All heavy atoms as atom14 arrays in JSON, in Angstrom:
{
  "sequence": "DAAANQELAYKNAPNIKAPHFVMYVKQELVDRFGEALVER",
  "atom14_mask": [
    [1, 1, 1, 1, 1, 1, 1, 1, 0, 0, 0, 0, 0, 0],
    [1, 1, 1, 1, 1, 0, 0, 0, 0, 0, 0, 0, 0, 0],
    [1, 1, 1, 1, 1, 0, 0, 0, 0, 0, 0, 0, 0, 0],
    [1, 1, 1, 1, 1, 0, 0, 0, 0, 0, 0, 0, 0, 0],
    [1, 1, 1, 1, 1, 1, 1, 1, 0, 0, 0, 0, 0, 0],
    [1, 1, 1, 1, 1, 1, 1, 1, 1, 0, 0, 0, 0, 0],
    [1, 1, 1, 1, 1, 1, 1, 1, 1, 0, 0, 0, 0, 0],
    [1, 1, 1, 1, 1, 1, 1, 1, 0, 0, 0, 0, 0, 0],
    [1, 1, 1, 1, 1, 0, 0, 0, 0, 0, 0, 0, 0, 0],
    [1, 1, 1, 1, 1, 1, 1, 1, 1, 1, 1, 1, 0, 0],
    [1, 1, 1, 1, 1, 1, 1, 1, 1, 0, 0, 0, 0, 0],
    [1, 1, 1, 1, 1, 1, 1, 1, 0, 0, 0, 0, 0, 0],
    [1, 1, 1, 1, 1, 0, 0, 0, 0, 0, 0, 0, 0, 0],
    [1, 1, 1, 1, 1, 1, 1, 0, 0, 0, 0, 0, 0, 0],
    [1, 1, 1, 1, 1, 1, 1, 1, 0, 0, 0, 0, 0, 0],
    [1, 1, 1, 1, 1, 1, 1, 1, 0, 0, 0, 0, 0, 0],
    [1, 1, 1, 1, 1, 1, 1, 1, 1, 0, 0, 0, 0, 0],
    [1, 1, 1, 1, 1, 0, 0, 0, 0, 0, 0, 0, 0, 0],
    [1, 1, 1, 1, 1, 1, 1, 0, 0, 0, 0, 0, 0, 0],
    [1, 1, 1, 1, 1, 1, 1, 1, 1, 1, 0, 0, 0, 0],
    [1, 1, 1, 1, 1, 1, 1, 1, 1, 1, 1, 0, 0, 0],
    [1, 1, 1, 1, 1, 1, 1, 0, 0, 0, 0, 0, 0, 0],
    [1, 1, 1, 1, 1, 1, 1, 1, 0, 0, 0, 0, 0, 0],
    [1, 1, 1, 1, 1, 1, 1, 1, 1, 1, 1, 1, 0, 0],
    [1, 1, 1, 1, 1, 1, 1, 0, 0, 0, 0, 0, 0, 0],
    [1, 1, 1, 1, 1, 1, 1, 1, 1, 0, 0, 0, 0, 0],
    [1, 1, 1, 1, 1, 1, 1, 1, 1, 0, 0, 0, 0, 0],
    [1, 1, 1, 1, 1, 1, 1, 1, 1, 0, 0, 0, 0, 0],
    [1, 1, 1, 1, 1, 1, 1, 1, 0, 0, 0, 0, 0, 0],
    [1, 1, 1, 1, 1, 1, 1, 0, 0, 0, 0, 0, 0, 0],
    [1, 1, 1, 1, 1, 1, 1, 1, 0, 0, 0, 0, 0, 0],
    [1, 1, 1, 1, 1, 1, 1, 1, 1, 1, 1, 0, 0, 0],
    [1, 1, 1, 1, 1, 1, 1, 1, 1, 1, 1, 0, 0, 0],
    [1, 1, 1, 1, 0, 0, 0, 0, 0, 0, 0, 0, 0, 0],
    [1, 1, 1, 1, 1, 1, 1, 1, 1, 0, 0, 0, 0, 0],
    [1, 1, 1, 1, 1, 0, 0, 0, 0, 0, 0, 0, 0, 0],
    [1, 1, 1, 1, 1, 1, 1, 1, 0, 0, 0, 0, 0, 0],
    [1, 1, 1, 1, 1, 1, 1, 0, 0, 0, 0, 0, 0, 0],
    [1, 1, 1, 1, 1, 1, 1, 1, 1, 0, 0, 0, 0, 0],
    [1, 1, 1, 1, 1, 1, 1, 1, 1, 1, 1, 0, 0, 0]
  ],
  "atom14_positions": [
    [[37.02, 112.16, 18.92], [37.15, 112.08, 17.55], [38.46, 111.21, 17.11], [38.37, 110.46, 16.24], [37.36, 113.43, 16.79], [35.98, 114.19, 16.99], [34.91, 113.6, 17.1], [35.97, 115.4, 16.83], [0.0, 0.0, 0.0], [0.0, 0.0, 0.0], [0.0, 0.0, 0.0], [0.0, 0.0, 0.0], [0.0, 0.0, 0.0], [0.0, 0.0, 0.0]],
    [[39.54, 111.47, 17.8], [40.82, 110.85, 17.63], [40.58, 109.36, 17.9], [41.08, 108.45, 17.18], [41.85, 111.38, 18.5], [0.0, 0.0, 0.0], [0.0, 0.0, 0.0], [0.0, 0.0, 0.0], [0.0, 0.0, 0.0], [0.0, 0.0, 0.0], [0.0, 0.0, 0.0], [0.0, 0.0, 0.0], [0.0, 0.0, 0.0], [0.0, 0.0, 0.0]],
    [[39.87, 108.95, 18.96], [39.68, 107.51, 19.25], [38.87, 106.85, 18.23], [39.09, 105.66, 17.83], [39.0, 107.4, 20.62], [0.0, 0.0, 0.0], [0.0, 0.0, 0.0], [0.0, 0.0, 0.0], [0.0, 0.0, 0.0], [0.0, 0.0, 0.0], [0.0, 0.0, 0.0], [0.0, 0.0, 0.0], [0.0, 0.0, 0.0], [0.0, 0.0, 0.0]],
    [[37.78, 107.54, 17.71], [36.85, 107.03, 16.73], [37.55, 106.72, 15.53], [37.12, 105.82, 14.78], [35.54, 107.94, 16.61], [0.0, 0.0, 0.0], [0.0, 0.0, 0.0], [0.0, 0.0, 0.0], [0.0, 0.0, 0.0], [0.0, 0.0, 0.0], [0.0, 0.0, 0.0], [0.0, 0.0, 0.0], [0.0, 0.0, 0.0], [0.0, 0.0, 0.0]],
    [[38.56, 107.59, 15.13], [39.22, 107.42, 13.84], [40.43, 106.42, 13.96], [41.03, 106.16, 12.93], [39.73, 108.79, 13.39], [38.57, 109.75, 13.01], [37.65, 109.29, 12.52], [38.82, 110.96, 13.32], [0.0, 0.0, 0.0], [0.0, 0.0, 0.0], [0.0, 0.0, 0.0], [0.0, 0.0, 0.0], [0.0, 0.0, 0.0], [0.0, 0.0, 0.0]],
    [[40.69, 105.94, 15.16], [41.79, 105.02, 15.28], [41.48, 103.6, 14.72], [40.37, 103.09, 15.1], [42.13, 104.88, 16.76], [43.32, 103.9, 16.95], [43.63, 103.66, 18.49], [43.41, 104.68, 19.26], [44.13, 102.55, 18.93], [0.0, 0.0, 0.0], [0.0, 0.0, 0.0], [0.0, 0.0, 0.0], [0.0, 0.0, 0.0], [0.0, 0.0, 0.0]],
    [[42.22, 103.03, 13.85], [41.9, 101.78, 13.33], [42.3, 100.74, 14.34], [43.44, 100.62, 14.86], [42.67, 101.5, 12.03], [42.36, 100.23, 11.41], [43.03, 100.11, 10.07], [43.35, 101.02, 9.46], [43.16, 98.94, 9.53], [0.0, 0.0, 0.0], [0.0, 0.0, 0.0], [0.0, 0.0, 0.0], [0.0, 0.0, 0.0], [0.0, 0.0, 0.0]],
    [[41.35, 99.78, 14.56], [41.51, 98.74, 15.69], [41.95, 97.4, 14.91], [41.38, 97.03, 14.0], [40.26, 98.57, 16.47], [39.74, 99.78, 17.25], [38.41, 99.39, 17.91], [40.78, 100.23, 18.19], [0.0, 0.0, 0.0], [0.0, 0.0, 0.0], [0.0, 0.0, 0.0], [0.0, 0.0, 0.0], [0.0, 0.0, 0.0], [0.0, 0.0, 0.0]],
    [[43.05, 96.96, 15.51], [43.56, 95.72, 15.08], [43.25, 94.59, 16.05], [43.67, 94.66, 17.24], [45.05, 95.61, 14.73], [0.0, 0.0, 0.0], [0.0, 0.0, 0.0], [0.0, 0.0, 0.0], [0.0, 0.0, 0.0], [0.0, 0.0, 0.0], [0.0, 0.0, 0.0], [0.0, 0.0, 0.0], [0.0, 0.0, 0.0], [0.0, 0.0, 0.0]],
    [[42.55, 93.49, 15.61], [42.1, 92.6, 16.67], [43.02, 91.33, 16.62], [43.42, 90.97, 15.58], [40.58, 92.0, 16.32], [39.56, 93.25, 16.39], [39.09, 93.8, 15.26], [39.2, 93.7, 17.6], [38.18, 94.81, 15.3], [38.29, 94.67, 17.73], [37.75, 95.33, 16.61], [36.86, 96.21, 16.79], [0.0, 0.0, 0.0], [0.0, 0.0, 0.0]],
    [[43.14, 90.73, 17.77], [44.09, 89.64, 17.91], [43.52, 88.36, 17.45], [44.09, 87.71, 16.57], [44.48, 89.54, 19.45], [45.43, 88.28, 19.73], [45.48, 88.07, 21.21], [46.31, 86.86, 21.48], [46.23, 86.37, 22.89], [0.0, 0.0, 0.0], [0.0, 0.0, 0.0], [0.0, 0.0, 0.0], [0.0, 0.0, 0.0], [0.0, 0.0, 0.0]],
    [[42.41, 87.88, 18.1], [41.99, 86.47, 17.71], [40.65, 86.5, 17.15], [39.69, 87.11, 17.61], [41.89, 85.76, 19.06], [43.28, 85.47, 19.58], [44.22, 85.23, 18.94], [43.33, 85.41, 20.96], [0.0, 0.0, 0.0], [0.0, 0.0, 0.0], [0.0, 0.0, 0.0], [0.0, 0.0, 0.0], [0.0, 0.0, 0.0], [0.0, 0.0, 0.0]],
    [[40.4, 85.86, 15.95], [39.13, 85.5, 15.47], [38.78, 84.16, 16.05], [39.62, 83.32, 16.29], [39.09, 85.54, 13.96], [0.0, 0.0, 0.0], [0.0, 0.0, 0.0], [0.0, 0.0, 0.0], [0.0, 0.0, 0.0], [0.0, 0.0, 0.0], [0.0, 0.0, 0.0], [0.0, 0.0, 0.0], [0.0, 0.0, 0.0], [0.0, 0.0, 0.0]],
    [[37.53, 83.84, 16.18], [37.11, 82.59, 16.71], [37.43, 81.36, 15.87], [37.43, 81.5, 14.62], [35.53, 82.69, 16.9], [35.14, 83.82, 16.04], [36.3, 84.73, 15.8], [0.0, 0.0, 0.0], [0.0, 0.0, 0.0], [0.0, 0.0, 0.0], [0.0, 0.0, 0.0], [0.0, 0.0, 0.0], [0.0, 0.0, 0.0], [0.0, 0.0, 0.0]],
    [[37.57, 80.24, 16.43], [37.83, 78.87, 15.71], [36.51, 78.46, 15.28], [35.71, 78.0, 16.04], [38.58, 77.94, 16.58], [38.77, 76.61, 15.82], [38.8, 76.57, 14.63], [39.09, 75.57, 16.58], [0.0, 0.0, 0.0], [0.0, 0.0, 0.0], [0.0, 0.0, 0.0], [0.0, 0.0, 0.0], [0.0, 0.0, 0.0], [0.0, 0.0, 0.0]],
    [[36.19, 78.56, 14.06], [34.78, 78.37, 13.6], [34.81, 77.81, 12.19], [35.55, 78.39, 11.19], [34.13, 79.78, 13.74], [32.62, 79.68, 13.43], [34.81, 80.75, 12.86], [31.92, 81.04, 13.72], [0.0, 0.0, 0.0], [0.0, 0.0, 0.0], [0.0, 0.0, 0.0], [0.0, 0.0, 0.0], [0.0, 0.0, 0.0], [0.0, 0.0, 0.0]],
    [[33.7, 77.04, 11.8], [33.39, 76.72, 10.42], [32.17, 77.48, 9.97], [31.3, 77.68, 10.73], [33.29, 75.19, 10.36], [34.57, 74.44, 10.68], [34.21, 72.86, 10.65], [35.43, 72.08, 11.0], [35.17, 70.68, 11.04], [0.0, 0.0, 0.0], [0.0, 0.0, 0.0], [0.0, 0.0, 0.0], [0.0, 0.0, 0.0], [0.0, 0.0, 0.0]],
    [[32.16, 77.83, 8.72], [30.93, 78.56, 8.17], [30.75, 79.8, 8.97], [29.6, 79.97, 9.53], [29.7, 77.67, 8.09], [0.0, 0.0, 0.0], [0.0, 0.0, 0.0], [0.0, 0.0, 0.0], [0.0, 0.0, 0.0], [0.0, 0.0, 0.0], [0.0, 0.0, 0.0], [0.0, 0.0, 0.0], [0.0, 0.0, 0.0], [0.0, 0.0, 0.0]],
    [[31.67, 80.68, 9.28], [31.66, 81.69, 10.28], [30.47, 82.73, 10.06], [29.74, 83.12, 11.01], [32.93, 82.4, 10.18], [33.5, 82.03, 8.9], [32.96, 80.64, 8.62], [0.0, 0.0, 0.0], [0.0, 0.0, 0.0], [0.0, 0.0, 0.0], [0.0, 0.0, 0.0], [0.0, 0.0, 0.0], [0.0, 0.0, 0.0], [0.0, 0.0, 0.0]],
    [[30.17, 83.17, 8.76], [29.13, 84.09, 8.59], [27.78, 83.44, 9.02], [26.95, 84.12, 9.6], [29.09, 84.57, 7.17], [30.25, 85.51, 6.86], [31.27, 85.19, 6.05], [30.43, 86.85, 7.15], [32.04, 86.24, 5.84], [31.53, 87.29, 6.62], [0.0, 0.0, 0.0], [0.0, 0.0, 0.0], [0.0, 0.0, 0.0], [0.0, 0.0, 0.0]],
    [[27.53, 82.22, 8.65], [26.3, 81.52, 8.89], [26.2, 81.39, 10.43], [25.12, 81.55, 10.94], [26.29, 80.15, 8.2], [25.12, 79.41, 8.42], [23.88, 79.67, 8.04], [25.13, 78.3, 9.43], [22.73, 78.94, 8.31], [24.13, 77.57, 9.74], [22.84, 77.76, 9.24], [0.0, 0.0, 0.0], [0.0, 0.0, 0.0], [0.0, 0.0, 0.0]],
    [[27.26, 80.96, 11.12], [27.17, 80.74, 12.57], [26.83, 82.01, 13.34], [26.11, 81.84, 14.25], [28.47, 80.09, 13.11], [28.62, 80.17, 14.58], [28.65, 78.66, 12.51], [0.0, 0.0, 0.0], [0.0, 0.0, 0.0], [0.0, 0.0, 0.0], [0.0, 0.0, 0.0], [0.0, 0.0, 0.0], [0.0, 0.0, 0.0], [0.0, 0.0, 0.0]],
    [[27.41, 83.12, 12.89], [27.16, 84.37, 13.53], [25.73, 84.8, 13.27], [25.02, 85.35, 14.16], [28.08, 85.44, 13.15], [29.56, 85.07, 13.59], [29.55, 84.97, 15.41], [31.28, 84.32, 15.65], [0.0, 0.0, 0.0], [0.0, 0.0, 0.0], [0.0, 0.0, 0.0], [0.0, 0.0, 0.0], [0.0, 0.0, 0.0], [0.0, 0.0, 0.0]],
    [[25.26, 84.46, 12.04], [23.79, 84.71, 11.62], [22.93, 83.94, 12.64], [21.93, 84.37, 13.28], [23.7, 84.31, 10.29], [22.29, 84.4, 9.63], [21.79, 85.58, 9.2], [21.41, 83.35, 9.61], [20.56, 85.79, 8.58], [20.16, 83.43, 9.04], [19.67, 84.71, 8.58], [18.49, 84.81, 8.04], [0.0, 0.0, 0.0], [0.0, 0.0, 0.0]],
    [[23.21, 82.56, 12.88], [22.51, 81.71, 13.67], [22.58, 82.13, 15.19], [21.49, 82.16, 15.9], [22.98, 80.3, 13.56], [22.31, 79.38, 14.7], [22.52, 79.77, 12.23], [0.0, 0.0, 0.0], [0.0, 0.0, 0.0], [0.0, 0.0, 0.0], [0.0, 0.0, 0.0], [0.0, 0.0, 0.0], [0.0, 0.0, 0.0], [0.0, 0.0, 0.0]],
    [[23.75, 82.56, 15.6], [23.84, 82.93, 17.0], [23.05, 84.12, 17.3], [22.35, 84.19, 18.32], [25.19, 83.26, 17.27], [25.57, 83.47, 18.81], [27.03, 83.89, 19.17], [27.13, 84.3, 20.53], [28.51, 84.84, 20.91], [0.0, 0.0, 0.0], [0.0, 0.0, 0.0], [0.0, 0.0, 0.0], [0.0, 0.0, 0.0], [0.0, 0.0, 0.0]],
    [[22.93, 85.13, 16.38], [22.08, 86.22, 16.68], [20.7, 85.88, 16.73], [19.83, 86.32, 17.56], [22.29, 87.21, 15.53], [21.57, 88.58, 15.9], [22.04, 89.27, 17.14], [23.12, 89.55, 17.36], [20.98, 89.46, 17.97], [0.0, 0.0, 0.0], [0.0, 0.0, 0.0], [0.0, 0.0, 0.0], [0.0, 0.0, 0.0], [0.0, 0.0, 0.0]],
    [[20.24, 84.86, 15.84], [18.75, 84.44, 15.95], [18.57, 83.75, 17.28], [17.56, 83.79, 17.82], [18.6, 83.53, 14.76], [17.24, 82.99, 14.63], [16.85, 82.23, 13.27], [17.54, 82.42, 12.37], [15.9, 81.41, 13.41], [0.0, 0.0, 0.0], [0.0, 0.0, 0.0], [0.0, 0.0, 0.0], [0.0, 0.0, 0.0], [0.0, 0.0, 0.0]],
    [[19.53, 82.88, 17.7], [19.42, 82.29, 19.03], [19.23, 83.21, 20.14], [18.44, 83.11, 21.14], [20.56, 81.36, 19.21], [20.69, 80.06, 18.33], [21.96, 79.39, 18.59], [19.55, 79.1, 18.67], [0.0, 0.0, 0.0], [0.0, 0.0, 0.0], [0.0, 0.0, 0.0], [0.0, 0.0, 0.0], [0.0, 0.0, 0.0], [0.0, 0.0, 0.0]],
    [[20.11, 84.28, 20.12], [19.97, 85.39, 21.18], [18.73, 86.07, 21.17], [18.11, 86.24, 22.2], [21.18, 86.22, 21.08], [21.13, 87.51, 21.93], [22.61, 85.66, 21.41], [0.0, 0.0, 0.0], [0.0, 0.0, 0.0], [0.0, 0.0, 0.0], [0.0, 0.0, 0.0], [0.0, 0.0, 0.0], [0.0, 0.0, 0.0], [0.0, 0.0, 0.0]],
    [[18.27, 86.37, 19.99], [16.91, 87.02, 19.94], [15.82, 86.14, 20.37], [14.85, 86.63, 21.02], [16.63, 87.39, 18.42], [17.57, 88.41, 17.84], [18.14, 89.14, 18.71], [17.6, 88.59, 16.57], [0.0, 0.0, 0.0], [0.0, 0.0, 0.0], [0.0, 0.0, 0.0], [0.0, 0.0, 0.0], [0.0, 0.0, 0.0], [0.0, 0.0, 0.0]],
    [[15.92, 84.78, 20.26], [14.86, 83.88, 20.6], [14.99, 83.5, 22.07], [13.91, 83.42, 22.85], [14.85, 82.6, 19.71], [13.76, 81.69, 20.07], [13.97, 80.36, 19.22], [13.83, 80.76, 17.75], [12.78, 80.82, 17.08], [11.59, 80.54, 17.65], [12.74, 81.03, 15.78], [0.0, 0.0, 0.0], [0.0, 0.0, 0.0], [0.0, 0.0, 0.0]],
    [[16.19, 83.24, 22.59], [16.4, 82.7, 23.92], [17.09, 83.57, 24.95], [17.08, 83.3, 26.12], [17.11, 81.35, 23.82], [16.44, 80.27, 22.98], [16.98, 79.87, 21.78], [15.31, 79.69, 23.45], [16.42, 78.86, 21.04], [14.65, 78.75, 22.71], [15.2, 78.29, 21.53], [0.0, 0.0, 0.0], [0.0, 0.0, 0.0], [0.0, 0.0, 0.0]],
    [[17.75, 84.63, 24.47], [18.46, 85.56, 25.44], [19.86, 85.13, 25.4], [20.42, 84.01, 25.2], [0.0, 0.0, 0.0], [0.0, 0.0, 0.0], [0.0, 0.0, 0.0], [0.0, 0.0, 0.0], [0.0, 0.0, 0.0], [0.0, 0.0, 0.0], [0.0, 0.0, 0.0], [0.0, 0.0, 0.0], [0.0, 0.0, 0.0], [0.0, 0.0, 0.0]],
    [[20.8, 86.2, 25.59], [22.18, 86.02, 25.63], [22.8, 85.02, 26.68], [23.53, 84.15, 26.33], [22.93, 87.43, 25.91], [24.37, 87.45, 25.66], [24.73, 87.83, 24.22], [23.98, 88.79, 23.72], [25.72, 87.23, 23.71], [0.0, 0.0, 0.0], [0.0, 0.0, 0.0], [0.0, 0.0, 0.0], [0.0, 0.0, 0.0], [0.0, 0.0, 0.0]],
    [[22.15, 85.09, 27.89], [22.68, 84.24, 28.96], [22.52, 82.77, 28.66], [23.44, 81.94, 28.88], [22.05, 84.49, 30.25], [0.0, 0.0, 0.0], [0.0, 0.0, 0.0], [0.0, 0.0, 0.0], [0.0, 0.0, 0.0], [0.0, 0.0, 0.0], [0.0, 0.0, 0.0], [0.0, 0.0, 0.0], [0.0, 0.0, 0.0], [0.0, 0.0, 0.0]],
    [[21.32, 82.34, 28.28], [21.07, 80.93, 27.89], [21.94, 80.5, 26.71], [22.51, 79.35, 26.76], [19.58, 80.78, 27.6], [19.25, 79.21, 27.5], [19.51, 78.38, 28.59], [17.76, 79.13, 27.05], [0.0, 0.0, 0.0], [0.0, 0.0, 0.0], [0.0, 0.0, 0.0], [0.0, 0.0, 0.0], [0.0, 0.0, 0.0], [0.0, 0.0, 0.0]],
    [[22.06, 81.28, 25.77], [22.97, 80.87, 24.57], [24.35, 80.77, 24.86], [25.06, 79.85, 24.51], [22.69, 81.9, 23.43], [23.71, 81.68, 22.22], [21.26, 81.96, 22.87], [0.0, 0.0, 0.0], [0.0, 0.0, 0.0], [0.0, 0.0, 0.0], [0.0, 0.0, 0.0], [0.0, 0.0, 0.0], [0.0, 0.0, 0.0], [0.0, 0.0, 0.0]],
    [[24.84, 81.73, 25.7], [26.31, 81.68, 26.09], [26.62, 80.67, 27.14], [27.84, 80.23, 27.22], [26.76, 83.02, 26.56], [26.64, 84.24, 25.39], [28.1, 84.5, 24.78], [29.03, 84.41, 25.53], [28.08, 84.82, 23.61], [0.0, 0.0, 0.0], [0.0, 0.0, 0.0], [0.0, 0.0, 0.0], [0.0, 0.0, 0.0], [0.0, 0.0, 0.0]],
    [[25.7, 80.27, 27.98], [26.03, 79.5, 29.17], [25.16, 78.23, 29.34], [25.48, 77.48, 30.32], [25.86, 80.32, 30.39], [26.59, 81.72, 30.26], [26.34, 82.62, 31.48], [26.94, 82.17, 32.63], [26.94, 82.8, 33.84], [26.24, 83.98, 34.02], [27.53, 82.29, 34.9], [0.0, 0.0, 0.0], [0.0, 0.0, 0.0], [0.0, 0.0, 0.0]]
  ]
}
């Protein structure tokens, strides 16, 4: 419970343009082609 309630501060956000759209597209790519092919 203590860990779940701890607020997490992240260091780096990705260098990206149109970030919400890109993440939307990335998820569609992963659904279609799989994580390994998309990432590598």
